[in-house]
Amino acid sequence: MVNTQQHSDSNNNQSKLFMTESHSSVAVELASPWRRIAAYLINNAIYYSIIFIGLRIYNATFDFESEDLGQNIVLPFELWFLSDYESTEPVSSILGLLFLPEETHDLSSIFLYIILPVAIFALWQTIQMSITGQSIGKRLMGIKVIGIYGQNPGFVGTVLLREIIFKIISHIILYIILYIILYIILYIILYIILPFDLNNSFWSPRLVKCILFNFPLLAIFCLIMLFLKNINYRTLQDYLAKTIVIKVEK
């Protein structure tokens, strides 16, 4: 059985976590919130740079045949700023690029220049996280993910639970729940209380989506948790996967 205990170092005022198993004790230094945020930004910067370069290459090599192109190929709020080419059927995520109409887009080029590089990057990140507990960003910032008992969480802990399952819960299940709740609240306010003309173009499911995308409640909640020392800077992903993030000793 392994016990963990947090200790404050008076000399450098940094958090220590003591992991004890049987008669041995190992002290690890918790990763600071700023290091974790920096690692997250680095990973996303690489991800979006790959997409950005791929989109630019695709844009330079593919001529549009339609004369009625009036919207960006990608919608806010994930990818819209990365592309200057246009489409009558924009998409809202990277996977949506696979389902663009062949009449106006070269799907094989999209796969070659965008989807494939992103997939290679994701595979490399997955392998590194599974083996070492470090993504590219975490490695550059000198931090890593370990289990609460000091073990290597492997693929299940670092990728499946912390990334895939968490995103399914937060981006799909929780999104649907919040969408329904917010839709009902807005409906009551705009239609019953005010009342408001529901035939007005202002009222639509797009309004609800816009609010949810602009106010990522779960992300804000995790950001707050990241600065709470009494819970060892653990976010919802860490609790789901039973992990902590520590500073790697040089």
C-alpha atoms as a PDB file:
ATOM      1  CA  MET A   1       0.000   0.000   0.000  1.00  0.00           C
ATOM      2  CA  VAL A   2       1.348   3.425  -0.940  1.00  0.00           C
ATOM      3  CA  ASN A   3       0.719   6.589   0.995  1.00  0.00           C
ATOM      4  CA  THR A   4       1.337  10.126  -0.238  1.00  0.00           C
ATOM      5  CA  GLN A   5       2.004  13.179   1.852  1.00  0.00           C
ATOM      6  CA  GLN A   6       2.580  16.764   0.772  1.00  0.00           C
ATOM      7  CA  HIS A   7       5.416  18.750   2.333  1.00  0.00           C
ATOM      8  CA  SER A   8       6.380  22.408   1.935  1.00  0.00           C
ATOM      9  CA  ASP A   9      10.066  23.153   1.567  1.00  0.00           C
ATOM     10  CA  SER A  10      10.843  26.343   3.480  1.00  0.00           C
ATOM     11  CA  ASN A  11      14.051  26.943   1.532  1.00  0.00           C
ATOM     12  CA  ASN A  12      12.613  27.131  -1.975  1.00  0.00           C
ATOM     13  CA  ASN A  13       8.928  27.260  -1.055  1.00  0.00           C
ATOM     14  CA  GLN A  14       8.106  24.533  -3.588  1.00  0.00           C
ATOM     15  CA  SER A  15       5.670  21.657  -3.090  1.00  0.00           C
ATOM     16  CA  LYS A  16       7.047  18.206  -2.409  1.00  0.00           C
ATOM     17  CA  LEU A  17       5.146  14.953  -2.516  1.00  0.00           C
ATOM     18  CA  PHE A  18       6.474  12.032  -0.518  1.00  0.00           C
ATOM     19  CA  MET A  19       5.564   8.603  -1.881  1.00  0.00           C
ATOM     20  CA  THR A  20       5.993   5.753   0.541  1.00  0.00           C
ATOM     21  CA  GLU A  21       5.843   2.073  -0.332  1.00  0.00           C
ATOM     22  CA  SER A  22       6.734  -0.557   2.273  1.00  0.00           C
ATOM     23  CA  HIS A  23       9.811   0.854   4.048  1.00  0.00           C
ATOM     24  CA  SER A  24      11.108   3.071   1.219  1.00  0.00           C
ATOM     25  CA  SER A  25      10.248   6.720   0.673  1.00  0.00           C
ATOM     26  CA  VAL A  26      10.747   8.839  -2.446  1.00  0.00           C
ATOM     27  CA  ALA A  27      10.237  12.605  -2.645  1.00  0.00           C
ATOM     28  CA  VAL A  28       9.083  14.154  -5.904  1.00  0.00           C
ATOM     29  CA  GLU A  29       8.581  17.791  -6.760  1.00  0.00           C
ATOM     30  CA  LEU A  30       5.186  18.725  -8.161  1.00  0.00           C
ATOM     31  CA  ALA A  31       5.153  20.489 -11.518  1.00  0.00           C
ATOM     32  CA  SER A  32       4.175  24.129 -11.215  1.00  0.00           C
ATOM     33  CA  PRO A  33       0.945  25.289 -12.881  1.00  0.00           C
ATOM     34  CA  TRP A  34       2.920  27.582 -15.174  1.00  0.00           C
ATOM     35  CA  ARG A  35       5.069  24.730 -16.467  1.00  0.00           C
ATOM     36  CA  ARG A  36       1.965  22.680 -17.195  1.00  0.00           C
ATOM     37  CA  ILE A  37       0.304  25.594 -18.987  1.00  0.00           C
ATOM     38  CA  ALA A  38       3.467  26.222 -21.016  1.00  0.00           C
ATOM     39  CA  ALA A  39       3.659  22.538 -21.994  1.00  0.00           C
ATOM     40  CA  TYR A  40       0.011  22.625 -23.093  1.00  0.00           C
ATOM     41  CA  LEU A  41       0.615  25.737 -25.202  1.00  0.00           C
ATOM     42  CA  ILE A  42       3.713  24.202 -26.813  1.00  0.00           C
ATOM     43  CA  ASN A  43       1.816  21.044 -27.795  1.00  0.00           C
ATOM     44  CA  ASN A  44      -1.034  23.081 -29.270  1.00  0.00           C
ATOM     45  CA  ALA A  45       1.372  25.415 -31.068  1.00  0.00           C
ATOM     46  CA  ILE A  46       2.973  22.419 -32.805  1.00  0.00           C
ATOM     47  CA  TYR A  47      -0.442  20.907 -33.592  1.00  0.00           C
ATOM     48  CA  TYR A  48      -1.829  24.080 -35.136  1.00  0.00           C
ATOM     49  CA  SER A  49       1.431  24.802 -36.956  1.00  0.00           C
ATOM     50  CA  ILE A  50       1.176  21.431 -38.694  1.00  0.00           C
ATOM     51  CA  ILE A  51      -2.379  22.232 -39.752  1.00  0.00           C
ATOM     52  CA  PHE A  52      -1.423  25.762 -40.766  1.00  0.00           C
ATOM     53  CA  ILE A  53       1.424  24.591 -43.008  1.00  0.00           C
ATOM     54  CA  GLY A  54      -0.718  21.814 -44.496  1.00  0.00           C
ATOM     55  CA  LEU A  55      -3.544  24.203 -45.272  1.00  0.00           C
ATOM     56  CA  ARG A  56      -1.160  26.631 -46.927  1.00  0.00           C
ATOM     57  CA  ILE A  57       0.376  23.896 -49.091  1.00  0.00           C
ATOM     58  CA  TYR A  58      -3.069  22.647 -50.043  1.00  0.00           C
ATOM     59  CA  ASN A  59      -4.235  26.176 -50.815  1.00  0.00           C
ATOM     60  CA  ALA A  60      -1.230  26.749 -53.071  1.00  0.00           C
ATOM     61  CA  THR A  61      -1.649  23.524 -55.044  1.00  0.00           C
ATOM     62  CA  PHE A  62      -5.428  23.252 -55.387  1.00  0.00           C
ATOM     63  CA  ASP A  63      -7.523  25.549 -57.598  1.00  0.00           C
ATOM     64  CA  PHE A  64     -11.160  26.057 -56.700  1.00  0.00           C
ATOM     65  CA  GLU A  65     -13.636  25.244 -59.436  1.00  0.00           C
ATOM     66  CA  SER A  66     -16.701  26.833 -57.858  1.00  0.00           C
ATOM     67  CA  GLU A  67     -17.391  30.547 -58.242  1.00  0.00           C
ATOM     68  CA  ASP A  68     -19.812  30.659 -55.290  1.00  0.00           C
ATOM     69  CA  LEU A  69     -17.313  30.126 -52.523  1.00  0.00           C
ATOM     70  CA  GLY A  70     -18.096  32.534 -49.727  1.00  0.00           C
ATOM     71  CA  GLN A  71     -17.063  31.059 -46.387  1.00  0.00           C
ATOM     72  CA  ASN A  72     -13.912  29.774 -44.757  1.00  0.00           C
ATOM     73  CA  ILE A  73     -13.295  26.059 -45.081  1.00  0.00           C
ATOM     74  CA  VAL A  74     -13.247  25.862 -41.286  1.00  0.00           C
ATOM     75  CA  LEU A  75     -15.590  27.500 -38.808  1.00  0.00           C
ATOM     76  CA  PRO A  76     -14.869  29.122 -35.463  1.00  0.00           C
ATOM     77  CA  PHE A  77     -13.702  28.446 -32.941  1.00  0.00           C
ATOM     78  CA  GLU A  78     -11.108  25.763 -33.478  1.00  0.00           C
ATOM     79  CA  LEU A  79      -9.514  26.253 -36.886  1.00  0.00           C
ATOM     80  CA  TRP A  80     -11.000  29.322 -38.534  1.00  0.00           C
ATOM     81  CA  PHE A  81      -7.889  31.484 -38.191  1.00  0.00           C
ATOM     82  CA  LEU A  82      -5.649  28.968 -39.933  1.00  0.00           C
ATOM     83  CA  SER A  83      -7.016  29.174 -43.452  1.00  0.00           C
ATOM     84  CA  ASP A  84      -7.800  31.826 -45.998  1.00  0.00           C
ATOM     85  CA  TYR A  85      -9.446  29.602 -48.556  1.00  0.00           C
ATOM     86  CA  GLU A  86     -13.166  29.350 -48.870  1.00  0.00           C
ATOM     87  CA  SER A  87     -15.925  26.795 -49.096  1.00  0.00           C
ATOM     88  CA  THR A  88     -19.694  26.686 -49.238  1.00  0.00           C
ATOM     89  CA  GLU A  89     -19.570  23.895 -46.645  1.00  0.00           C
ATOM     90  CA  PRO A  90     -17.098  24.847 -43.908  1.00  0.00           C
ATOM     91  CA  VAL A  91     -16.225  22.432 -41.105  1.00  0.00           C
ATOM     92  CA  SER A  92     -15.756  22.936 -37.379  1.00  0.00           C
ATOM     93  CA  SER A  93     -12.983  20.414 -36.634  1.00  0.00           C
ATOM     94  CA  ILE A  94     -10.009  18.681 -38.185  1.00  0.00           C
ATOM     95  CA  LEU A  95     -12.001  15.474 -38.763  1.00  0.00           C
ATOM     96  CA  GLY A  96     -14.557  17.441 -40.736  1.00  0.00           C
ATOM     97  CA  LEU A  97     -11.959  17.960 -43.455  1.00  0.00           C
ATOM     98  CA  LEU A  98     -12.409  14.296 -44.404  1.00  0.00           C
ATOM     99  CA  PHE A  99     -16.060  14.844 -45.294  1.00  0.00           C
ATOM    100  CA  LEU A 100     -15.799  17.836 -47.613  1.00  0.00           C
ATOM    101  CA  PRO A 101     -17.527  17.438 -50.999  1.00  0.00           C
ATOM    102  CA  GLU A 102     -15.268  16.055 -53.730  1.00  0.00           C
ATOM    103  CA  GLU A 103     -16.829  18.488 -56.205  1.00  0.00           C
ATOM    104  CA  THR A 104     -15.078  21.456 -54.603  1.00  0.00           C
ATOM    105  CA  HIS A 105     -12.143  19.881 -52.752  1.00  0.00           C
ATOM    106  CA  ASP A 106      -9.360  17.403 -53.394  1.00  0.00           C
ATOM    107  CA  LEU A 107      -9.811  14.973 -50.502  1.00  0.00           C
ATOM    108  CA  SER A 108      -6.628  13.029 -51.269  1.00  0.00           C
ATOM    109  CA  SER A 109      -4.588  16.240 -50.996  1.00  0.00           C
ATOM    110  CA  ILE A 110      -6.326  17.177 -47.751  1.00  0.00           C
ATOM    111  CA  PHE A 111      -5.431  13.763 -46.351  1.00  0.00           C
ATOM    112  CA  LEU A 112      -1.826  13.967 -47.573  1.00  0.00           C
ATOM    113  CA  TYR A 113      -1.066  17.535 -46.474  1.00  0.00           C
ATOM    114  CA  ILE A 114      -3.164  17.835 -43.314  1.00  0.00           C
ATOM    115  CA  ILE A 115      -4.676  14.645 -41.893  1.00  0.00           C
ATOM    116  CA  LEU A 116      -1.594  12.425 -42.305  1.00  0.00           C
ATOM    117  CA  PRO A 117       0.898  14.868 -40.667  1.00  0.00           C
ATOM    118  CA  VAL A 118      -1.516  15.421 -37.768  1.00  0.00           C
ATOM    119  CA  ALA A 119      -1.948  11.649 -37.373  1.00  0.00           C
ATOM    120  CA  ILE A 120       1.836  11.121 -37.319  1.00  0.00           C
ATOM    121  CA  PHE A 121       2.223  13.857 -34.708  1.00  0.00           C
ATOM    122  CA  ALA A 122      -0.577  12.352 -32.592  1.00  0.00           C
ATOM    123  CA  LEU A 123       0.973   8.876 -32.852  1.00  0.00           C
ATOM    124  CA  TRP A 124       4.388  10.185 -31.767  1.00  0.00           C
ATOM    125  CA  GLN A 125       2.826  11.998 -28.811  1.00  0.00           C
ATOM    126  CA  THR A 126       0.918   8.860 -27.853  1.00  0.00           C
ATOM    127  CA  ILE A 127       4.028   6.683 -27.918  1.00  0.00           C
ATOM    128  CA  GLN A 128       6.079   9.173 -25.896  1.00  0.00           C
ATOM    129  CA  MET A 129       3.338   9.712 -23.311  1.00  0.00           C
ATOM    130  CA  SER A 130       2.808   5.957 -22.942  1.00  0.00           C
ATOM    131  CA  ILE A 131       6.496   5.180 -22.468  1.00  0.00           C
ATOM    132  CA  THR A 132       7.846   8.211 -20.604  1.00  0.00           C
ATOM    133  CA  GLY A 133       4.766  10.143 -19.447  1.00  0.00           C
ATOM    134  CA  GLN A 134       6.030  13.134 -21.438  1.00  0.00           C
ATOM    135  CA  SER A 135       4.648  14.845 -24.495  1.00  0.00           C
ATOM    136  CA  ILE A 136       6.908  17.152 -26.497  1.00  0.00           C
ATOM    137  CA  GLY A 137       5.710  20.111 -24.468  1.00  0.00           C
ATOM    138  CA  LYS A 138       6.175  18.338 -21.140  1.00  0.00           C
ATOM    139  CA  ARG A 139       9.659  17.190 -22.134  1.00  0.00           C
ATOM    140  CA  LEU A 140      10.687  20.738 -23.059  1.00  0.00           C
ATOM    141  CA  MET A 141       9.296  22.041 -19.760  1.00  0.00           C
ATOM    142  CA  GLY A 142      10.948  19.275 -17.723  1.00  0.00           C
ATOM    143  CA  ILE A 143       7.764  17.692 -16.332  1.00  0.00           C
ATOM    144  CA  LYS A 144       6.080  14.294 -16.628  1.00  0.00           C
ATOM    145  CA  VAL A 145       2.925  12.387 -15.700  1.00  0.00           C
ATOM    146  CA  ILE A 146       3.122   9.590 -13.123  1.00  0.00           C
ATOM    147  CA  GLY A 147       0.550   7.573 -11.217  1.00  0.00           C
ATOM    148  CA  ILE A 148      -0.437   8.601  -7.698  1.00  0.00           C
ATOM    149  CA  TYR A 149       1.497   5.572  -6.464  1.00  0.00           C
ATOM    150  CA  GLY A 150       4.636   6.559  -8.372  1.00  0.00           C
ATOM    151  CA  GLN A 151       4.161   4.076 -11.214  1.00  0.00           C
ATOM    152  CA  ASN A 152       4.206   4.718 -14.958  1.00  0.00           C
ATOM    153  CA  PRO A 153       0.521   5.003 -15.950  1.00  0.00           C
ATOM    154  CA  GLY A 154       1.297   3.777 -19.477  1.00  0.00           C
ATOM    155  CA  PHE A 155      -1.082   4.184 -22.392  1.00  0.00           C
ATOM    156  CA  VAL A 156      -4.211   3.661 -20.283  1.00  0.00           C
ATOM    157  CA  GLY A 157      -3.392   6.380 -17.773  1.00  0.00           C
ATOM    158  CA  THR A 158      -1.583   9.007 -19.836  1.00  0.00           C
ATOM    159  CA  VAL A 159      -3.516   8.744 -23.108  1.00  0.00           C
ATOM    160  CA  LEU A 160      -6.719   6.704 -22.881  1.00  0.00           C
ATOM    161  CA  LEU A 161      -8.071   8.124 -19.619  1.00  0.00           C
ATOM    162  CA  ARG A 162      -6.410  11.571 -19.428  1.00  0.00           C
ATOM    163  CA  GLU A 163      -6.947  12.468 -23.080  1.00  0.00           C
ATOM    164  CA  ILE A 164      -9.415  10.306 -25.001  1.00  0.00           C
ATOM    165  CA  ILE A 165     -11.982   9.358 -22.347  1.00  0.00           C
ATOM    166  CA  PHE A 166     -11.818  12.787 -20.715  1.00  0.00           C
ATOM    167  CA  LYS A 167     -12.421  14.549 -24.034  1.00  0.00           C
ATOM    168  CA  ILE A 168     -15.311  12.231 -24.838  1.00  0.00           C
ATOM    169  CA  ILE A 169     -16.886  13.057 -21.484  1.00  0.00           C
ATOM    170  CA  SER A 170     -16.194  16.790 -21.627  1.00  0.00           C
ATOM    171  CA  HIS A 171     -16.616  17.483 -25.348  1.00  0.00           C
ATOM    172  CA  ILE A 172     -19.550  15.203 -26.101  1.00  0.00           C
ATOM    173  CA  ILE A 173     -21.490  14.047 -23.052  1.00  0.00           C
ATOM    174  CA  LEU A 174     -21.051  17.178 -20.959  1.00  0.00           C
ATOM    175  CA  TYR A 175     -21.507  19.398 -24.016  1.00  0.00           C
ATOM    176  CA  ILE A 176     -24.865  17.770 -24.809  1.00  0.00           C
ATOM    177  CA  ILE A 177     -26.024  18.169 -21.203  1.00  0.00           C
ATOM    178  CA  LEU A 178     -24.966  21.832 -21.065  1.00  0.00           C
ATOM    179  CA  TYR A 179     -26.472  22.444 -24.505  1.00  0.00           C
ATOM    180  CA  ILE A 180     -29.884  21.136 -23.400  1.00  0.00           C
ATOM    181  CA  ILE A 181     -29.805  23.079 -20.116  1.00  0.00           C
ATOM    182  CA  LEU A 182     -28.720  26.323 -21.757  1.00  0.00           C
ATOM    183  CA  TYR A 183     -31.204  25.905 -24.582  1.00  0.00           C
ATOM    184  CA  ILE A 184     -34.079  25.496 -22.097  1.00  0.00           C
ATOM    185  CA  ILE A 185     -32.928  28.495 -20.028  1.00  0.00           C
ATOM    186  CA  LEU A 186     -32.644  30.749 -23.061  1.00  0.00           C
ATOM    187  CA  TYR A 187     -35.976  29.506 -24.369  1.00  0.00           C
ATOM    188  CA  ILE A 188     -37.683  30.376 -21.074  1.00  0.00           C
ATOM    189  CA  ILE A 189     -36.017  33.795 -20.885  1.00  0.00           C
ATOM    190  CA  LEU A 190     -36.547  34.811 -24.496  1.00  0.00           C
ATOM    191  CA  TYR A 191     -39.949  33.286 -25.114  1.00  0.00           C
ATOM    192  CA  ILE A 192     -41.820  33.101 -21.792  1.00  0.00           C
ATOM    193  CA  ILE A 193     -40.369  35.930 -19.700  1.00  0.00           C
ATOM    194  CA  LEU A 194     -39.666  38.653 -22.256  1.00  0.00           C
ATOM    195  CA  PRO A 195     -41.430  37.404 -24.576  1.00  0.00           C
ATOM    196  CA  PHE A 196     -39.288  37.226 -27.689  1.00  0.00           C
ATOM    197  CA  ASP A 197     -40.148  36.409 -31.270  1.00  0.00           C
ATOM    198  CA  LEU A 198     -38.654  32.966 -31.837  1.00  0.00           C
ATOM    199  CA  ASN A 199     -38.931  33.484 -35.575  1.00  0.00           C
ATOM    200  CA  ASN A 200     -36.326  36.190 -35.268  1.00  0.00           C
ATOM    201  CA  SER A 201     -33.034  35.125 -36.821  1.00  0.00           C
ATOM    202  CA  PHE A 202     -31.279  35.955 -33.558  1.00  0.00           C
ATOM    203  CA  TRP A 203     -32.834  32.962 -31.864  1.00  0.00           C
ATOM    204  CA  SER A 204     -31.400  29.668 -33.073  1.00  0.00           C
ATOM    205  CA  PRO A 205     -29.374  26.708 -31.815  1.00  0.00           C
ATOM    206  CA  ARG A 206     -26.326  28.556 -33.159  1.00  0.00           C
ATOM    207  CA  LEU A 207     -26.726  31.076 -30.341  1.00  0.00           C
ATOM    208  CA  VAL A 208     -26.446  28.281 -27.780  1.00  0.00           C
ATOM    209  CA  LYS A 209     -23.403  26.801 -29.531  1.00  0.00           C
ATOM    210  CA  CYS A 210     -21.767  30.214 -29.680  1.00  0.00           C
ATOM    211  CA  ILE A 211     -22.191  30.702 -25.925  1.00  0.00           C
ATOM    212  CA  LEU A 212     -20.824  27.247 -25.090  1.00  0.00           C
ATOM    213  CA  PHE A 213     -17.799  27.660 -27.348  1.00  0.00           C
ATOM    214  CA  ASN A 214     -16.988  31.115 -25.999  1.00  0.00           C
ATOM    215  CA  PHE A 215     -17.382  30.119 -22.348  1.00  0.00           C
ATOM    216  CA  PRO A 216     -15.585  26.793 -21.868  1.00  0.00           C
ATOM    217  CA  LEU A 217     -16.748  26.174 -18.304  1.00  0.00           C
ATOM    218  CA  LEU A 218     -14.914  22.876 -17.845  1.00  0.00           C
ATOM    219  CA  ALA A 219     -11.618  24.308 -19.091  1.00  0.00           C
ATOM    220  CA  ILE A 220     -11.942  27.256 -16.722  1.00  0.00           C
ATOM    221  CA  PHE A 221     -12.728  24.890 -13.839  1.00  0.00           C
ATOM    222  CA  CYS A 222      -9.643  22.772 -14.613  1.00  0.00           C
ATOM    223  CA  LEU A 223      -7.529  25.917 -14.828  1.00  0.00           C
ATOM    224  CA  ILE A 224      -8.648  26.921 -11.340  1.00  0.00           C
ATOM    225  CA  MET A 225      -7.870  23.425 -10.018  1.00  0.00           C
ATOM    226  CA  LEU A 226      -4.392  23.711 -11.526  1.00  0.00           C
ATOM    227  CA  PHE A 227      -3.517  26.436  -9.008  1.00  0.00           C
ATOM    228  CA  LEU A 228      -4.871  24.679  -5.901  1.00  0.00           C
ATOM    229  CA  LYS A 229      -1.902  23.443  -3.890  1.00  0.00           C
ATOM    230  CA  ASN A 230      -4.057  21.528  -1.406  1.00  0.00           C
ATOM    231  CA  ILE A 231      -5.051  19.064  -4.145  1.00  0.00           C
ATOM    232  CA  ASN A 232      -1.486  18.839  -5.510  1.00  0.00           C
ATOM    233  CA  TYR A 233      -2.388  20.888  -8.615  1.00  0.00           C
ATOM    234  CA  ARG A 234      -4.445  17.982  -9.954  1.00  0.00           C
ATOM    235  CA  THR A 235      -7.112  18.650 -12.575  1.00  0.00           C
ATOM    236  CA  LEU A 236     -10.131  16.556 -13.516  1.00  0.00           C
ATOM    237  CA  GLN A 237      -7.977  14.575 -15.961  1.00  0.00           C
ATOM    238  CA  ASP A 238      -5.610  13.651 -13.141  1.00  0.00           C
ATOM    239  CA  TYR A 239      -8.434  12.489 -10.898  1.00  0.00           C
ATOM    240  CA  LEU A 240      -9.954  10.441 -13.721  1.00  0.00           C
ATOM    241  CA  ALA A 241      -6.642   8.721 -14.501  1.00  0.00           C
ATOM    242  CA  LYS A 242      -5.301   8.740 -10.902  1.00  0.00           C
ATOM    243  CA  THR A 243      -2.194  10.660 -11.923  1.00  0.00           C
ATOM    244  CA  ILE A 244      -0.083  13.627 -10.865  1.00  0.00           C
ATOM    245  CA  VAL A 245       2.360  15.761 -12.815  1.00  0.00           C
ATOM    246  CA  ILE A 246       5.849  16.170 -11.377  1.00  0.00           C
ATOM    247  CA  LYS A 247       9.047  18.013 -12.223  1.00  0.00           C
ATOM    248  CA  VAL A 248      11.713  15.793 -13.737  1.00  0.00           C
ATOM    249  CA  GLU A 249      15.015  15.753 -11.905  1.00  0.00           C
ATOM    250  CA  LYS A 250      17.997  16.735 -14.042  1.00  0.00           C
END
